[in-house]
Amino acid sequence: MPCHLNSICYIDQHNEIARISNFVVNAIGIVNSSRQNVNIYVHIVAFYPKDTTKNSDLERFNKREIIQVQGRFSVIEANVDGDKVKVINLT
């Protein structure tokens, strides 16, 4: 069941792909909690228009930056470095 997330995360992985009319960014953010001993990984997908004259509410971000993420999410299982982990997937 989807829930709502509002958090600050560190961008650990960042990959940008050019498409016909926009750029698609796939990124992994890390959320560290003082209440947990494990990191939480957030998969982020962002779309930016190629036409810079078009208005975009989303500010561009890169690897090693700290950003705020918010939105609906669900928890999925994924393989990270050969280990099965639970990942927060923003929808």
Protein backbone atom coordinates (compact mmCIF):
# COMPACT_ATOMS: atom_id res chain seq x y z
CA MET A 1 0.00 0.00 0.00
CA PRO A 2 1.48 3.40 -0.95
CA CYS A 3 2.35 5.86 1.81
CA HIS A 4 3.72 9.41 1.86
CA LEU A 5 7.43 10.21 2.41
CA ASN A 6 9.16 13.49 3.16
CA SER A 7 12.88 13.07 3.79
CA ILE A 8 16.36 14.39 3.12
CA CYS A 9 18.79 12.06 1.35
CA TYR A 10 22.34 11.92 0.01
CA ILE A 11 22.59 11.07 -3.72
CA ASP A 12 24.93 8.07 -3.96
CA GLN A 13 24.28 7.01 -7.58
CA HIS A 14 23.14 9.18 -10.51
CA ASN A 15 22.55 8.28 -14.17
CA GLU A 16 21.08 10.69 -16.73
CA ILE A 17 19.77 9.50 -20.12
CA ALA A 18 18.77 11.82 -22.98
CA ARG A 19 15.44 11.03 -24.64
CA ILE A 20 13.64 12.77 -27.52
CA SER A 21 12.13 15.66 -25.56
CA ASN A 22 13.53 15.23 -22.04
CA PHE A 23 16.25 13.88 -19.78
CA VAL A 24 15.49 10.93 -17.51
CA VAL A 25 17.47 10.67 -14.29
CA ASN A 26 17.71 7.44 -12.30
CA ALA A 27 19.29 7.98 -8.90
CA ILE A 28 19.74 6.23 -5.58
CA GLY A 29 19.54 8.32 -2.43
CA ILE A 30 20.58 7.24 1.05
CA VAL A 31 18.55 8.20 4.11
CA ASN A 32 20.27 7.83 7.47
CA SER A 33 18.15 7.64 10.60
CA SER A 34 19.27 8.14 14.19
CA ARG A 35 16.67 5.54 15.20
CA GLN A 36 17.93 2.76 12.90
CA ASN A 37 21.31 1.09 12.44
CA VAL A 38 20.84 0.54 8.69
CA ASN A 39 20.68 2.95 5.78
CA ILE A 40 17.48 3.35 3.77
CA TYR A 41 17.94 3.50 -0.01
CA VAL A 42 15.51 5.59 -2.09
CA HIS A 43 15.20 4.99 -5.86
CA ILE A 44 14.49 8.35 -7.53
CA VAL A 45 13.32 8.85 -11.12
CA ALA A 46 13.22 12.45 -12.38
CA PHE A 47 12.24 13.96 -15.75
CA TYR A 48 13.67 17.26 -17.03
CA PRO A 49 12.69 18.94 -20.33
CA LYS A 50 15.45 19.37 -22.92
CA ASP A 51 13.96 22.73 -23.86
CA THR A 52 15.38 25.03 -21.19
CA THR A 53 12.73 27.68 -21.92
CA LYS A 54 10.04 25.34 -20.54
CA ASN A 55 9.18 25.76 -16.89
CA SER A 56 10.31 22.94 -14.61
CA ASP A 57 9.39 22.77 -10.92
CA LEU A 58 12.13 20.22 -10.27
CA GLU A 59 15.63 21.55 -9.67
CA ARG A 60 18.45 19.48 -11.20
CA PHE A 61 20.60 17.45 -8.83
CA ASN A 62 23.80 15.42 -9.14
CA LYS A 63 25.78 12.73 -7.37
CA ARG A 64 27.09 13.62 -3.89
CA GLU A 65 24.41 16.25 -3.30
CA ILE A 66 21.89 16.35 -0.48
CA ILE A 67 18.29 16.80 -1.60
CA GLN A 68 14.80 16.68 -0.13
CA VAL A 69 12.45 14.06 -1.57
CA GLN A 70 8.74 13.78 -1.01
CA GLY A 71 5.89 11.87 -2.52
CA ARG A 72 4.06 8.57 -2.51
CA PHE A 73 6.15 5.46 -2.07
CA SER A 74 6.00 1.71 -1.63
CA VAL A 75 8.57 -0.69 -0.17
CA ILE A 76 10.02 -3.27 -2.59
CA GLU A 77 12.79 -5.87 -2.37
CA ALA A 78 15.86 -5.46 -4.57
CA ASN A 79 19.33 -6.93 -4.96
CA VAL A 80 22.14 -4.59 -3.92
CA ASP A 81 25.66 -5.97 -4.25
CA GLY A 82 24.27 -9.52 -4.11
CA ASP A 83 22.22 -8.91 -0.97
CA LYS A 84 18.42 -8.78 -0.93
CA VAL A 85 17.32 -5.50 0.70
CA LYS A 86 14.09 -3.58 1.09
CA VAL A 87 14.04 -0.38 -0.95
CA ILE A 88 11.68 2.57 -0.79
CA ASN A 89 10.33 3.11 -4.32
CA LEU A 90 8.72 6.52 -4.91
CA THR A 91 5.62 6.22 -7.10
